[in-house]
């Protein structure tokens, strides 16, 4: 015996599934999932920020890294805070720093051969809060693995490798300064 679905039952099932999906869609953002909107700034006192050029002082210099990290940090501050970016020396928040490490090492060996290499990128940052007269010097560091069959230059030019480096370094800096991490 073949059971045939009633069209009204099928429509009711689709509507139920759609309702559940919409409910979950609206529920997820309120379940404590971290977003960059969790910024802790007293906007009554803090109005401006200045991001100095993040210079590259590592032994190996990737010429694209410094300007891209600097720009990405400015964009993140502009997008996720109400602060006005300025070039003035009297900004309420002043951020400066440099790329301190850009080193490759072997991270995995199999049959006496390197299988995976690891690029370690670190930035030393100085954050000055001129309103509260506080200075915070900190270092952020991230590791990025790539196949040992590639040179560093090939890895940098392939896929999303360089954008991952920039994004993750910028996130680390931003979170340390603005999210009380």
N, C-alpha and C. Protein backbone atom coordinates (compact mmCIF):
# COMPACT_ATOMS: atom_id res chain seq x y z
N UNK A 1 0.84 -1.16 0.00
CA UNK A 1 0.00 0.00 0.00
C UNK A 1 0.89 1.24 0.00
N UNK A 2 0.64 2.16 -0.88
CA UNK A 2 1.42 3.39 -0.99
C UNK A 2 0.67 4.51 -0.29
N UNK A 3 1.38 5.16 0.65
CA UNK A 3 0.77 6.28 1.36
C UNK A 3 1.09 7.56 0.60
N UNK A 4 0.09 8.33 0.36
CA UNK A 4 0.29 9.59 -0.36
C UNK A 4 0.16 10.72 0.65
N UNK A 5 1.09 11.67 0.56
CA UNK A 5 1.04 12.82 1.44
C UNK A 5 -0.05 13.78 0.99
N UNK A 6 -0.78 14.21 1.94
CA UNK A 6 -1.80 15.21 1.69
C UNK A 6 -1.09 16.55 1.45
N UNK A 7 -1.44 17.30 0.40
CA UNK A 7 -0.76 18.58 0.13
C UNK A 7 -0.84 19.56 1.29
N UNK A 8 -1.92 19.57 2.02
CA UNK A 8 -2.02 20.50 3.14
C UNK A 8 -1.08 20.09 4.28
N UNK A 9 -0.87 18.79 4.45
CA UNK A 9 0.06 18.29 5.47
C UNK A 9 1.49 18.67 5.09
N UNK A 10 1.85 18.53 3.83
CA UNK A 10 3.19 18.89 3.36
C UNK A 10 3.43 20.38 3.57
N UNK A 11 2.44 21.20 3.25
CA UNK A 11 2.58 22.64 3.44
C UNK A 11 2.73 22.99 4.91
N UNK A 12 1.97 22.30 5.77
CA UNK A 12 2.08 22.54 7.21
C UNK A 12 3.48 22.16 7.72
N UNK A 13 4.01 21.05 7.22
CA UNK A 13 5.35 20.61 7.62
C UNK A 13 6.40 21.63 7.17
N UNK A 14 6.27 22.11 5.97
CA UNK A 14 7.22 23.12 5.47
C UNK A 14 7.14 24.39 6.29
N UNK A 15 5.95 24.81 6.63
CA UNK A 15 5.76 26.01 7.43
C UNK A 15 6.36 25.83 8.82
N UNK A 16 6.19 24.64 9.40
CA UNK A 16 6.76 24.35 10.72
C UNK A 16 8.28 24.41 10.68
N UNK A 17 8.88 23.79 9.68
CA UNK A 17 10.33 23.80 9.54
C UNK A 17 10.83 25.23 9.33
N UNK A 18 10.15 25.99 8.49
CA UNK A 18 10.54 27.37 8.24
C UNK A 18 10.44 28.20 9.52
N UNK A 19 9.39 27.98 10.30
CA UNK A 19 9.23 28.69 11.57
C UNK A 19 10.37 28.38 12.54
N UNK A 20 10.74 27.12 12.61
CA UNK A 20 11.84 26.71 13.49
C UNK A 20 13.15 27.36 13.04
N UNK A 21 13.41 27.36 11.75
CA UNK A 21 14.63 27.97 11.23
C UNK A 21 14.66 29.47 11.55
N UNK A 22 13.56 30.16 11.35
CA UNK A 22 13.50 31.60 11.65
C UNK A 22 13.70 31.83 13.14
N UNK A 23 13.08 31.01 13.98
CA UNK A 23 13.24 31.15 15.43
C UNK A 23 14.70 30.99 15.84
N UNK A 24 15.36 29.96 15.31
CA UNK A 24 16.78 29.73 15.62
C UNK A 24 17.63 30.88 15.11
N UNK A 25 17.30 31.39 13.96
CA UNK A 25 18.05 32.51 13.36
C UNK A 25 18.06 33.71 14.29
N UNK A 26 16.92 34.01 14.91
CA UNK A 26 16.83 35.15 15.80
C UNK A 26 17.33 34.83 17.21
N UNK A 27 17.31 33.58 17.58
CA UNK A 27 17.75 33.18 18.91
C UNK A 27 19.27 33.15 19.04
N UNK A 28 19.98 32.70 18.01
CA UNK A 28 21.43 32.53 18.09
C UNK A 28 22.20 33.79 18.48
N UNK A 29 21.93 34.95 17.91
CA UNK A 29 22.71 36.12 18.29
C UNK A 29 22.59 36.49 19.77
N UNK A 30 21.53 36.06 20.43
CA UNK A 30 21.35 36.42 21.83
C UNK A 30 21.84 35.33 22.78
N UNK A 31 22.50 34.31 22.27
CA UNK A 31 22.92 33.19 23.12
C UNK A 31 24.35 33.34 23.64
N UNK A 32 24.86 34.53 23.68
CA UNK A 32 26.20 34.72 24.22
C UNK A 32 27.31 34.49 23.22
N UNK A 33 26.99 34.38 21.96
CA UNK A 33 28.03 34.24 20.96
C UNK A 33 28.77 35.57 20.90
N UNK A 34 30.09 35.52 21.02
CA UNK A 34 30.88 36.74 21.08
C UNK A 34 30.86 37.48 19.75
N UNK A 35 30.67 38.77 19.83
CA UNK A 35 30.79 39.63 18.66
C UNK A 35 31.69 40.80 19.03
N UNK A 36 32.15 41.52 18.03
CA UNK A 36 33.00 42.66 18.30
C UNK A 36 32.21 43.86 18.83
N UNK A 37 30.91 43.72 18.94
CA UNK A 37 30.12 44.81 19.48
C UNK A 37 30.24 44.86 21.01
N UNK A 38 30.94 43.92 21.60
CA UNK A 38 31.15 43.88 23.04
C UNK A 38 32.33 44.76 23.44
N UNK A 39 32.37 45.94 22.90
CA UNK A 39 33.46 46.87 23.14
C UNK A 39 33.18 47.62 24.43
N UNK A 40 34.21 47.77 25.27
CA UNK A 40 34.02 48.48 26.54
C UNK A 40 34.79 49.80 26.50
N UNK A 41 34.08 50.84 26.11
CA UNK A 41 34.65 52.19 26.03
C UNK A 41 33.66 53.14 26.68
N UNK A 42 34.16 54.04 27.51
CA UNK A 42 33.31 55.08 28.09
C UNK A 42 33.30 56.24 27.09
N UNK A 43 32.28 56.24 26.24
CA UNK A 43 32.22 57.25 25.18
C UNK A 43 31.97 58.66 25.72
N UNK A 44 31.60 58.79 26.98
CA UNK A 44 31.44 60.13 27.53
C UNK A 44 32.81 60.79 27.75
N UNK A 45 33.87 59.95 27.92
CA UNK A 45 35.22 60.49 28.11
C UNK A 45 36.12 60.27 26.89
N UNK A 46 35.94 59.17 26.19
CA UNK A 46 36.83 58.79 25.09
C UNK A 46 36.13 59.07 23.77
N UNK A 47 36.74 59.94 22.96
CA UNK A 47 36.12 60.34 21.69
C UNK A 47 36.99 60.03 20.47
N UNK A 48 38.31 60.04 20.63
CA UNK A 48 39.21 59.95 19.47
C UNK A 48 40.26 58.86 19.66
N UNK A 49 40.76 58.37 18.53
CA UNK A 49 41.84 57.38 18.54
C UNK A 49 42.79 57.69 17.39
N UNK A 50 44.05 57.42 17.65
CA UNK A 50 45.07 57.57 16.60
C UNK A 50 45.81 56.24 16.50
N UNK A 51 45.90 55.74 15.27
CA UNK A 51 46.65 54.51 15.02
C UNK A 51 47.89 54.90 14.22
N UNK A 52 49.04 54.75 14.86
CA UNK A 52 50.30 55.01 14.17
C UNK A 52 50.65 53.85 13.24
N UNK A 53 51.53 54.09 12.32
CA UNK A 53 51.95 53.06 11.38
C UNK A 53 52.61 51.91 12.14
N UNK A 54 52.12 50.70 11.92
CA UNK A 54 52.69 49.50 12.55
C UNK A 54 53.89 49.10 11.69
N UNK A 55 55.06 49.53 12.12
CA UNK A 55 56.29 49.32 11.36
C UNK A 55 56.71 47.85 11.39
N UNK A 56 57.56 47.45 10.45
CA UNK A 56 58.04 46.08 10.41
C UNK A 56 59.51 46.04 10.79
N UNK A 57 59.80 45.49 11.98
CA UNK A 57 61.17 45.39 12.47
C UNK A 57 61.62 43.94 12.63
N UNK A 58 60.91 43.03 11.98
CA UNK A 58 61.26 41.62 12.06
C UNK A 58 62.50 41.36 11.20
N UNK A 59 63.14 40.21 11.43
CA UNK A 59 64.33 39.87 10.62
C UNK A 59 63.97 39.73 9.15
N UNK A 60 62.86 39.06 8.87
CA UNK A 60 62.37 38.94 7.50
C UNK A 60 61.23 39.94 7.36
N UNK A 61 61.29 40.75 6.35
CA UNK A 61 60.27 41.78 6.18
C UNK A 61 59.36 41.46 5.00
N UNK A 62 58.11 41.26 5.31
CA UNK A 62 57.07 41.14 4.30
C UNK A 62 56.60 42.57 4.04
N UNK A 63 56.90 43.15 2.88
CA UNK A 63 56.61 44.57 2.65
C UNK A 63 55.12 44.93 2.67
N UNK A 64 54.25 43.96 2.49
CA UNK A 64 52.81 44.24 2.48
C UNK A 64 52.19 44.19 3.87
N UNK A 65 52.87 43.56 4.81
CA UNK A 65 52.26 43.30 6.11
C UNK A 65 51.99 44.57 6.92
N UNK A 66 52.97 45.44 7.08
CA UNK A 66 52.80 46.63 7.92
C UNK A 66 51.65 47.53 7.46
N UNK A 67 51.63 47.92 6.19
CA UNK A 67 50.52 48.80 5.79
C UNK A 67 49.16 48.11 5.88
N UNK A 68 49.11 46.82 5.62
CA UNK A 68 47.82 46.12 5.67
C UNK A 68 47.32 45.94 7.10
N UNK A 69 48.22 45.65 8.04
CA UNK A 69 47.81 45.52 9.44
C UNK A 69 47.36 46.89 9.97
N UNK A 70 48.10 47.94 9.63
CA UNK A 70 47.74 49.29 10.05
C UNK A 70 46.35 49.66 9.53
N UNK A 71 46.11 49.45 8.25
CA UNK A 71 44.81 49.78 7.65
C UNK A 71 43.69 48.93 8.23
N UNK A 72 43.95 47.63 8.42
CA UNK A 72 42.92 46.74 8.96
C UNK A 72 42.54 47.14 10.38
N UNK A 73 43.52 47.56 11.18
CA UNK A 73 43.23 48.00 12.55
C UNK A 73 42.39 49.28 12.53
N UNK A 74 42.73 50.20 11.66
CA UNK A 74 41.94 51.43 11.53
C UNK A 74 40.51 51.11 11.10
N UNK A 75 40.36 50.22 10.15
CA UNK A 75 39.02 49.85 9.68
C UNK A 75 38.20 49.17 10.77
N UNK A 76 38.85 48.33 11.55
CA UNK A 76 38.14 47.64 12.63
C UNK A 76 37.68 48.64 13.70
N UNK A 77 38.54 49.58 14.06
CA UNK A 77 38.17 50.60 15.04
C UNK A 77 37.02 51.45 14.48
N UNK A 78 37.12 51.79 13.22
CA UNK A 78 36.07 52.60 12.57
C UNK A 78 34.74 51.84 12.51
N UNK A 79 34.79 50.54 12.27
CA UNK A 79 33.58 49.74 12.11
C UNK A 79 32.94 49.33 13.43
N UNK A 80 33.73 49.08 14.47
CA UNK A 80 33.21 48.48 15.69
C UNK A 80 33.23 49.40 16.91
N UNK A 81 33.64 50.64 16.73
CA UNK A 81 33.57 51.61 17.82
C UNK A 81 32.95 52.89 17.30
N UNK A 82 32.65 53.79 18.22
CA UNK A 82 32.14 55.10 17.85
C UNK A 82 33.25 56.15 17.87
N UNK A 83 34.50 55.71 18.00
CA UNK A 83 35.62 56.64 18.08
C UNK A 83 35.89 57.28 16.73
N UNK A 84 36.36 58.52 16.77
CA UNK A 84 36.77 59.22 15.57
C UNK A 84 38.27 59.03 15.40
N UNK A 85 38.67 58.50 14.26
CA UNK A 85 40.10 58.33 14.00
C UNK A 85 40.70 59.67 13.62
N UNK A 86 41.87 59.95 14.16
CA UNK A 86 42.54 61.22 13.92
C UNK A 86 44.03 60.99 13.80
N UNK A 87 44.73 61.94 13.25
CA UNK A 87 46.20 61.89 13.19
C UNK A 87 46.82 62.80 14.26
N UNK A 88 45.99 63.37 15.09
CA UNK A 88 46.42 64.32 16.11
C UNK A 88 47.16 63.62 17.25
N UNK A 89 48.18 64.28 17.78
CA UNK A 89 48.94 63.75 18.90
C UNK A 89 48.17 63.82 20.22
N UNK A 90 47.04 64.52 20.24
CA UNK A 90 46.27 64.61 21.48
C UNK A 90 45.03 63.71 21.46
N UNK A 91 45.06 62.63 20.67
CA UNK A 91 43.96 61.66 20.64
C UNK A 91 43.82 61.00 22.00
N UNK A 92 42.60 60.65 22.36
CA UNK A 92 42.34 60.00 23.66
C UNK A 92 43.00 58.64 23.75
N UNK A 93 42.92 57.86 22.69
CA UNK A 93 43.60 56.57 22.60
C UNK A 93 44.66 56.67 21.52
N UNK A 94 45.88 56.23 21.87
CA UNK A 94 46.98 56.24 20.90
C UNK A 94 47.55 54.84 20.80
N UNK A 95 47.59 54.33 19.58
CA UNK A 95 48.05 52.97 19.35
C UNK A 95 49.22 53.02 18.39
N UNK A 96 50.32 52.41 18.79
CA UNK A 96 51.50 52.33 17.93
C UNK A 96 52.16 50.98 18.14
N UNK A 97 53.10 50.65 17.29
CA UNK A 97 53.78 49.38 17.47
C UNK A 97 54.55 48.96 16.25
N UNK A 98 54.98 47.70 16.28
CA UNK A 98 55.78 47.19 15.18
C UNK A 98 55.65 45.67 15.11
N UNK A 99 55.88 45.14 13.91
CA UNK A 99 55.94 43.70 13.72
C UNK A 99 57.30 43.27 14.26
N UNK A 100 57.31 42.45 15.29
CA UNK A 100 58.56 42.08 15.95
C UNK A 100 59.08 40.71 15.53
N UNK A 101 58.21 39.93 14.94
CA UNK A 101 58.62 38.57 14.57
C UNK A 101 57.89 38.12 13.32
N UNK A 102 58.64 37.49 12.44
CA UNK A 102 58.10 36.90 11.21
C UNK A 102 59.06 35.79 10.85
N UNK A 103 58.92 34.65 11.54
CA UNK A 103 59.88 33.56 11.46
C UNK A 103 59.22 32.26 11.03
N UNK A 104 59.95 31.49 10.26
CA UNK A 104 59.47 30.18 9.82
C UNK A 104 60.25 29.09 10.54
N UNK A 105 59.53 28.07 10.99
CA UNK A 105 60.15 26.90 11.60
C UNK A 105 59.41 25.65 11.13
N UNK A 106 60.02 24.52 11.34
CA UNK A 106 59.38 23.24 11.00
C UNK A 106 58.44 22.88 12.14
N UNK A 107 57.22 22.50 11.79
CA UNK A 107 56.26 22.17 12.84
C UNK A 107 55.83 20.70 12.82
N UNK A 108 56.07 20.00 11.71
CA UNK A 108 55.72 18.58 11.66
C UNK A 108 56.71 17.84 10.77
N UNK A 109 57.16 16.68 11.26
CA UNK A 109 58.11 15.86 10.53
C UNK A 109 57.54 14.46 10.40
N UNK A 110 57.69 13.89 9.22
CA UNK A 110 57.26 12.51 8.98
C UNK A 110 58.31 11.85 8.12
N UNK A 111 58.75 10.67 8.51
CA UNK A 111 59.78 9.92 7.77
C UNK A 111 61.02 10.77 7.54
N UNK A 112 61.45 11.46 8.59
CA UNK A 112 62.65 12.31 8.56
C UNK A 112 62.56 13.44 7.55
N UNK A 113 61.37 13.83 7.17
CA UNK A 113 61.20 14.96 6.27
C UNK A 113 60.18 15.93 6.86
N UNK A 114 60.41 17.20 6.62
CA UNK A 114 59.48 18.22 7.05
C UNK A 114 58.18 18.10 6.26
N UNK A 115 57.06 18.08 6.96
CA UNK A 115 55.76 17.98 6.32
C UNK A 115 55.03 19.32 6.38
N UNK A 116 55.19 20.00 7.50
CA UNK A 116 54.51 21.27 7.71
C UNK A 116 55.50 22.29 8.28
N UNK A 117 55.42 23.49 7.76
CA UNK A 117 56.18 24.60 8.30
C UNK A 117 55.23 25.53 9.04
N UNK A 118 55.78 26.28 9.96
CA UNK A 118 54.98 27.21 10.76
C UNK A 118 55.59 28.60 10.67
N UNK A 119 54.75 29.55 10.30
CA UNK A 119 55.14 30.95 10.31
C UNK A 119 54.61 31.56 11.60
N UNK A 120 55.49 32.13 12.40
CA UNK A 120 55.10 32.82 13.62
C UNK A 120 55.22 34.31 13.37
N UNK A 121 54.10 35.00 13.58
CA UNK A 121 54.06 36.45 13.39
C UNK A 121 53.69 37.08 14.72
N UNK A 122 54.47 38.07 15.14
CA UNK A 122 54.20 38.76 16.40
C UNK A 122 54.26 40.26 16.19
N UNK A 123 53.45 40.97 16.96
CA UNK A 123 53.45 42.43 16.93
C UNK A 123 53.56 42.94 18.36
N UNK A 124 54.44 43.87 18.57
CA UNK A 124 54.58 44.54 19.87
C UNK A 124 53.83 45.86 19.77
N UNK A 125 52.89 46.05 20.66
CA UNK A 125 51.97 47.19 20.58
C UNK A 125 52.07 48.03 21.85
N UNK A 126 51.98 49.34 21.68
CA UNK A 126 51.88 50.27 22.79
C UNK A 126 50.53 50.97 22.67
N UNK A 127 49.75 50.87 23.74
CA UNK A 127 48.44 51.51 23.80
C UNK A 127 48.48 52.54 24.91
N UNK A 128 48.18 53.79 24.57
CA UNK A 128 48.17 54.87 25.56
C UNK A 128 46.75 55.43 25.66
N UNK A 129 46.24 55.44 26.88
CA UNK A 129 44.97 56.07 27.18
C UNK A 129 45.31 57.41 27.83
N UNK A 130 45.22 58.50 27.07
CA UNK A 130 45.64 59.81 27.58
C UNK A 130 44.65 60.37 28.59
N UNK A 131 43.41 59.93 28.56
CA UNK A 131 42.40 60.41 29.50
C UNK A 131 42.69 59.88 30.90
N UNK A 132 42.98 58.60 31.02
CA UNK A 132 43.26 57.98 32.32
C UNK A 132 44.76 57.91 32.62
N UNK A 133 45.57 58.43 31.71
CA UNK A 133 47.02 58.45 31.86
C UNK A 133 47.58 57.05 32.12
N UNK A 134 47.18 56.10 31.26
CA UNK A 134 47.62 54.71 31.38
C UNK A 134 48.28 54.26 30.09
N UNK A 135 49.31 53.44 30.24
CA UNK A 135 50.01 52.87 29.09
C UNK A 135 50.03 51.35 29.23
N UNK A 136 49.78 50.68 28.13
CA UNK A 136 49.80 49.21 28.11
C UNK A 136 50.69 48.77 26.96
N UNK A 137 51.79 48.10 27.28
CA UNK A 137 52.66 47.50 26.27
C UNK A 137 52.37 46.00 26.25
N UNK A 138 52.06 45.47 25.09
CA UNK A 138 51.75 44.05 25.00
C UNK A 138 52.19 43.52 23.65
N UNK A 139 52.29 42.20 23.59
CA UNK A 139 52.66 41.52 22.34
C UNK A 139 51.59 40.52 21.99
N UNK A 140 51.21 40.51 20.73
CA UNK A 140 50.30 39.48 20.23
C UNK A 140 51.09 38.62 19.26
N UNK A 141 50.80 37.33 19.26
CA UNK A 141 51.54 36.41 18.41
C UNK A 141 50.59 35.33 17.90
N UNK A 142 50.75 34.98 16.65
CA UNK A 142 49.94 33.94 16.04
C UNK A 142 50.82 33.04 15.19
N UNK A 143 50.45 31.77 15.11
CA UNK A 143 51.15 30.80 14.28
C UNK A 143 50.26 30.43 13.10
N UNK A 144 50.90 30.25 11.95
CA UNK A 144 50.20 29.89 10.72
C UNK A 144 50.98 28.77 10.05
N UNK A 145 50.32 27.63 9.87
CA UNK A 145 50.97 26.47 9.26
C UNK A 145 50.74 26.45 7.76
N UNK A 146 51.76 25.96 7.04
CA UNK A 146 51.64 25.78 5.60
C UNK A 146 52.48 24.58 5.19
N UNK A 147 52.14 23.95 4.05
CA UNK A 147 52.85 22.74 3.63
C UNK A 147 54.34 22.99 3.39
N UNK A 148 55.17 22.05 3.79
CA UNK A 148 56.61 22.18 3.60
C UNK A 148 57.00 22.12 2.14
N UNK A 149 56.07 21.70 1.30
CA UNK A 149 56.35 21.67 -0.15
C UNK A 149 56.31 23.07 -0.75
N UNK A 150 55.84 24.06 0.02
CA UNK A 150 55.78 25.44 -0.45
C UNK A 150 56.87 26.27 0.21
N UNK A 151 57.39 27.24 -0.53
CA UNK A 151 58.27 28.24 0.09
C UNK A 151 57.38 29.22 0.83
N UNK A 152 57.98 30.04 1.66
CA UNK A 152 57.22 31.06 2.37
C UNK A 152 56.53 31.99 1.38
N UNK A 153 57.23 32.38 0.34
CA UNK A 153 56.66 33.29 -0.66
C UNK A 153 55.46 32.65 -1.37
N UNK A 154 55.54 31.36 -1.65
CA UNK A 154 54.40 30.67 -2.27
C UNK A 154 53.21 30.63 -1.32
N UNK A 155 53.49 30.37 -0.06
CA UNK A 155 52.41 30.34 0.94
C UNK A 155 51.77 31.72 1.07
N UNK A 156 52.60 32.76 1.11
CA UNK A 156 52.08 34.13 1.24
C UNK A 156 51.18 34.50 0.06
N UNK A 157 51.49 33.98 -1.11
CA UNK A 157 50.74 34.33 -2.32
C UNK A 157 49.58 33.39 -2.61
N UNK A 158 49.42 32.36 -1.82
CA UNK A 158 48.37 31.38 -2.11
C UNK A 158 47.14 31.61 -1.24
N UNK A 159 46.00 31.54 -1.83
CA UNK A 159 44.74 31.54 -1.11
C UNK A 159 44.58 32.68 -0.13
N UNK A 160 44.18 32.32 1.08
CA UNK A 160 43.87 33.32 2.09
C UNK A 160 44.94 33.44 3.17
N UNK A 161 46.11 32.89 2.92
CA UNK A 161 47.16 32.85 3.94
C UNK A 161 47.46 34.24 4.50
N UNK A 162 47.77 35.19 3.63
CA UNK A 162 48.13 36.53 4.09
C UNK A 162 46.93 37.26 4.71
N UNK A 163 45.75 37.08 4.15
CA UNK A 163 44.58 37.74 4.74
C UNK A 163 44.27 37.15 6.12
N UNK A 164 44.52 35.85 6.33
CA UNK A 164 44.35 35.24 7.65
C UNK A 164 45.31 35.86 8.66
N UNK A 165 46.55 36.06 8.25
CA UNK A 165 47.55 36.67 9.13
C UNK A 165 47.09 38.05 9.56
N UNK A 166 46.71 38.86 8.60
CA UNK A 166 46.29 40.24 8.87
C UNK A 166 45.04 40.25 9.75
N UNK A 167 44.07 39.45 9.40
CA UNK A 167 42.81 39.41 10.15
C UNK A 167 43.03 38.96 11.60
N UNK A 168 43.80 37.89 11.79
CA UNK A 168 43.99 37.38 13.15
C UNK A 168 44.84 38.30 14.01
N UNK A 169 45.88 38.89 13.44
CA UNK A 169 46.69 39.85 14.21
C UNK A 169 45.85 41.05 14.61
N UNK A 170 45.08 41.57 13.66
CA UNK A 170 44.23 42.72 13.93
C UNK A 170 43.20 42.39 15.00
N UNK A 171 42.57 41.22 14.92
CA UNK A 171 41.61 40.81 15.93
C UNK A 171 42.25 40.74 17.31
N UNK A 172 43.45 40.17 17.39
CA UNK A 172 44.15 40.05 18.68
C UNK A 172 44.43 41.44 19.28
N UNK A 173 44.92 42.35 18.46
CA UNK A 173 45.21 43.71 18.94
C UNK A 173 43.93 44.39 19.39
N UNK A 174 42.91 44.35 18.55
CA UNK A 174 41.63 44.99 18.86
C UNK A 174 41.04 44.43 20.15
N UNK A 175 41.01 43.11 20.27
CA UNK A 175 40.43 42.48 21.46
C UNK A 175 41.17 42.87 22.73
N UNK A 176 42.49 42.93 22.65
CA UNK A 176 43.28 43.29 23.84
C UNK A 176 42.95 44.72 24.28
N UNK A 177 42.82 45.61 23.34
CA UNK A 177 42.60 47.02 23.68
C UNK A 177 41.15 47.31 24.06
N UNK A 178 40.21 46.81 23.28
CA UNK A 178 38.84 47.27 23.40
C UNK A 178 37.88 46.30 24.08
N UNK A 179 38.24 45.08 24.29
CA UNK A 179 37.27 44.12 24.80
C UNK A 179 37.64 43.53 26.16
N UNK A 180 38.56 44.13 26.86
CA UNK A 180 38.97 43.68 28.19
C UNK A 180 39.33 42.20 28.22
N UNK A 181 40.06 41.74 27.23
CA UNK A 181 40.47 40.34 27.17
C UNK A 181 41.67 40.15 28.03
